[in-house]
Amino acid sequence: MPEENTTPTKPNLKTIGRGISLAIIIGAVVVAIIAIWEYGHRPETDDATVRANFIGVAHKPAGTSSSYV
């Protein structure tokens, strides 16, 4: 009866390198998707202002416009 080889085999370095490369690429894609989503849903600037169209609406008080008390 032949003896079985009971020593564990070393993982192939090429396989490990491909796995690490794939993990880095997937991580970069996930970070890019999150960054694009955050930028689209929560815009912000350095001075904390956001431009928007603004229309002022106010009523006209009765009486003369030059006499405010």
N, C-alpha and C. Protein backbone atom coordinates (compact mmCIF):
# COMPACT_ATOMS: atom_id res chain seq x y z
N MET A 1 0.82 -1.17 0.00
CA MET A 1 0.00 0.00 0.00
C MET A 1 0.88 1.25 0.00
N PRO A 2 0.65 2.17 -0.94
CA PRO A 2 1.48 3.39 -0.95
C PRO A 2 1.07 4.35 0.16
N GLU A 3 2.04 5.05 0.68
CA GLU A 3 1.75 6.03 1.73
C GLU A 3 1.21 7.31 1.11
N GLU A 4 0.25 7.91 1.81
CA GLU A 4 -0.31 9.18 1.33
C GLU A 4 0.57 10.33 1.80
N ASN A 5 0.64 11.35 0.98
CA ASN A 5 1.39 12.53 1.35
C ASN A 5 0.52 13.38 2.27
N THR A 6 0.85 13.47 3.53
CA THR A 6 0.04 14.19 4.51
C THR A 6 0.49 15.62 4.73
N THR A 7 1.55 16.05 4.06
CA THR A 7 2.00 17.43 4.24
C THR A 7 1.10 18.36 3.43
N PRO A 8 0.67 19.46 4.03
CA PRO A 8 -0.19 20.39 3.30
C PRO A 8 0.59 21.07 2.18
N THR A 9 -0.07 21.30 1.07
CA THR A 9 0.60 21.96 -0.05
C THR A 9 0.54 23.47 0.13
N LYS A 10 1.56 24.14 -0.34
CA LYS A 10 1.58 25.59 -0.26
C LYS A 10 0.68 26.17 -1.35
N PRO A 11 -0.06 27.22 -1.03
CA PRO A 11 -0.88 27.84 -2.07
C PRO A 11 0.01 28.49 -3.13
N ASN A 12 -0.45 28.46 -4.33
CA ASN A 12 0.30 29.03 -5.45
C ASN A 12 0.36 30.55 -5.29
N LEU A 13 1.53 31.13 -5.43
CA LEU A 13 1.69 32.57 -5.26
C LEU A 13 0.90 33.34 -6.32
N LYS A 14 0.78 32.78 -7.51
CA LYS A 14 0.02 33.43 -8.56
C LYS A 14 -1.46 33.53 -8.17
N THR A 15 -1.97 32.48 -7.55
CA THR A 15 -3.37 32.47 -7.11
C THR A 15 -3.60 33.51 -6.01
N ILE A 16 -2.66 33.61 -5.08
CA ILE A 16 -2.77 34.60 -4.01
C ILE A 16 -2.72 36.01 -4.58
N GLY A 17 -1.82 36.25 -5.52
CA GLY A 17 -1.70 37.57 -6.15
C GLY A 17 -2.96 37.95 -6.90
N ARG A 18 -3.56 37.01 -7.60
CA ARG A 18 -4.81 37.29 -8.32
C ARG A 18 -5.94 37.60 -7.35
N GLY A 19 -5.97 36.86 -6.25
CA GLY A 19 -7.01 37.11 -5.24
C GLY A 19 -6.89 38.50 -4.63
N ILE A 20 -5.66 38.89 -4.31
CA ILE A 20 -5.43 40.22 -3.74
C ILE A 20 -5.77 41.30 -4.76
N SER A 21 -5.38 41.09 -6.00
CA SER A 21 -5.69 42.06 -7.06
C SER A 21 -7.20 42.21 -7.24
N LEU A 22 -7.89 41.10 -7.25
CA LEU A 22 -9.35 41.13 -7.39
C LEU A 22 -10.00 41.86 -6.21
N ALA A 23 -9.50 41.63 -5.01
CA ALA A 23 -10.04 42.30 -3.83
C ALA A 23 -9.81 43.81 -3.91
N ILE A 24 -8.65 44.24 -4.38
CA ILE A 24 -8.35 45.67 -4.51
C ILE A 24 -9.27 46.30 -5.55
N ILE A 25 -9.46 45.63 -6.67
CA ILE A 25 -10.33 46.17 -7.73
C ILE A 25 -11.77 46.27 -7.24
N ILE A 26 -12.27 45.24 -6.59
CA ILE A 26 -13.64 45.27 -6.07
C ILE A 26 -13.78 46.37 -5.03
N GLY A 27 -12.81 46.53 -4.16
CA GLY A 27 -12.84 47.59 -3.15
C GLY A 27 -12.86 48.97 -3.79
N ALA A 28 -12.06 49.17 -4.83
CA ALA A 28 -12.03 50.47 -5.51
C ALA A 28 -13.37 50.77 -6.18
N VAL A 29 -13.98 49.76 -6.78
CA VAL A 29 -15.28 49.96 -7.43
C VAL A 29 -16.35 50.30 -6.38
N VAL A 30 -16.33 49.63 -5.26
CA VAL A 30 -17.31 49.91 -4.19
C VAL A 30 -17.12 51.32 -3.65
N VAL A 31 -15.88 51.73 -3.42
CA VAL A 31 -15.62 53.09 -2.92
C VAL A 31 -16.06 54.13 -3.95
N ALA A 32 -15.82 53.89 -5.23
CA ALA A 32 -16.24 54.83 -6.27
C ALA A 32 -17.76 54.95 -6.33
N ILE A 33 -18.46 53.84 -6.23
CA ILE A 33 -19.93 53.88 -6.25
C ILE A 33 -20.46 54.64 -5.05
N ILE A 34 -19.91 54.41 -3.88
CA ILE A 34 -20.35 55.13 -2.67
C ILE A 34 -20.06 56.62 -2.80
N ALA A 35 -18.90 56.98 -3.32
CA ALA A 35 -18.54 58.40 -3.47
C ALA A 35 -19.48 59.09 -4.46
N ILE A 36 -19.78 58.44 -5.57
CA ILE A 36 -20.70 59.04 -6.55
C ILE A 36 -22.08 59.19 -5.96
N TRP A 37 -22.55 58.19 -5.23
CA TRP A 37 -23.88 58.26 -4.61
C TRP A 37 -23.94 59.38 -3.57
N GLU A 38 -22.94 59.47 -2.73
CA GLU A 38 -22.91 60.52 -1.70
C GLU A 38 -22.88 61.91 -2.34
N TYR A 39 -22.09 62.08 -3.39
CA TYR A 39 -21.99 63.39 -4.05
C TYR A 39 -23.32 63.77 -4.69
N GLY A 40 -24.03 62.82 -5.23
CA GLY A 40 -25.30 63.09 -5.88
C GLY A 40 -26.43 63.36 -4.91
N HIS A 41 -26.40 62.75 -3.75
CA HIS A 41 -27.49 62.89 -2.80
C HIS A 41 -27.23 63.90 -1.69
N ARG A 42 -26.00 64.23 -1.46
CA ARG A 42 -25.65 65.18 -0.38
C ARG A 42 -24.59 66.16 -0.87
N PRO A 43 -24.98 67.10 -1.74
CA PRO A 43 -23.97 68.05 -2.24
C PRO A 43 -23.52 68.99 -1.13
N GLU A 44 -22.26 69.36 -1.14
CA GLU A 44 -21.74 70.30 -0.16
C GLU A 44 -20.56 71.04 -0.75
N THR A 45 -20.26 72.19 -0.16
CA THR A 45 -19.14 72.98 -0.61
C THR A 45 -18.26 73.32 0.58
N ASP A 46 -17.12 73.96 0.32
CA ASP A 46 -16.21 74.31 1.40
C ASP A 46 -16.79 75.36 2.34
N ASP A 47 -17.58 76.30 1.79
CA ASP A 47 -18.13 77.35 2.64
C ASP A 47 -19.56 77.05 3.07
N ALA A 48 -20.02 75.85 2.92
CA ALA A 48 -21.32 75.37 3.40
C ALA A 48 -22.50 76.11 2.76
N THR A 49 -22.37 76.51 1.52
CA THR A 49 -23.50 77.09 0.80
C THR A 49 -23.75 76.29 -0.46
N VAL A 50 -25.01 76.24 -0.83
CA VAL A 50 -25.39 75.54 -2.04
C VAL A 50 -26.22 76.50 -2.87
N ARG A 51 -25.91 76.62 -4.15
CA ARG A 51 -26.66 77.50 -5.02
C ARG A 51 -27.99 76.87 -5.40
N ALA A 52 -29.02 77.74 -5.45
CA ALA A 52 -30.34 77.26 -5.87
C ALA A 52 -31.12 78.45 -6.41
N ASN A 53 -32.08 78.16 -7.25
CA ASN A 53 -32.95 79.23 -7.72
C ASN A 53 -33.84 79.68 -6.56
N PHE A 54 -34.00 80.98 -6.42
CA PHE A 54 -34.75 81.52 -5.30
C PHE A 54 -35.72 82.57 -5.82
N ILE A 55 -36.94 82.45 -5.45
CA ILE A 55 -37.96 83.44 -5.82
C ILE A 55 -38.55 83.96 -4.52
N GLY A 56 -38.41 85.26 -4.31
CA GLY A 56 -38.96 85.85 -3.10
C GLY A 56 -40.46 86.13 -3.27
N VAL A 57 -41.24 85.74 -2.29
CA VAL A 57 -42.68 85.97 -2.33
C VAL A 57 -43.03 86.73 -1.05
N ALA A 58 -43.68 87.92 -1.21
CA ALA A 58 -44.08 88.71 -0.06
C ALA A 58 -45.39 89.40 -0.38
N HIS A 59 -46.17 89.69 0.62
CA HIS A 59 -47.44 90.38 0.41
C HIS A 59 -47.21 91.89 0.39
N LYS A 60 -48.13 92.61 -0.20
CA LYS A 60 -48.06 94.06 -0.19
C LYS A 60 -48.96 94.57 0.93
N PRO A 61 -48.40 95.31 1.87
CA PRO A 61 -49.23 95.83 2.97
C PRO A 61 -50.15 96.94 2.48
N ALA A 62 -51.27 97.08 3.13
CA ALA A 62 -52.21 98.15 2.79
C ALA A 62 -51.65 99.49 3.24
N GLY A 63 -51.98 100.56 2.56
CA GLY A 63 -51.52 101.88 2.94
C GLY A 63 -50.34 102.30 2.08
N THR A 64 -49.71 103.37 2.50
CA THR A 64 -48.58 103.88 1.74
C THR A 64 -47.35 103.04 2.05
N SER A 65 -46.53 102.89 1.05
CA SER A 65 -45.35 102.05 1.21
C SER A 65 -44.20 102.78 1.91
N SER A 66 -44.29 104.11 2.05
CA SER A 66 -43.18 104.85 2.67
C SER A 66 -43.34 105.03 4.16
N SER A 67 -44.49 104.68 4.74
CA SER A 67 -44.69 104.88 6.18
C SER A 67 -44.70 103.54 6.91
N TYR A 68 -43.53 103.17 7.41
CA TYR A 68 -43.43 101.96 8.22
C TYR A 68 -43.22 102.38 9.67
N VAL A 69 -43.89 101.72 10.54
CA VAL A 69 -43.78 102.08 11.95
C VAL A 69 -43.04 101.04 12.70
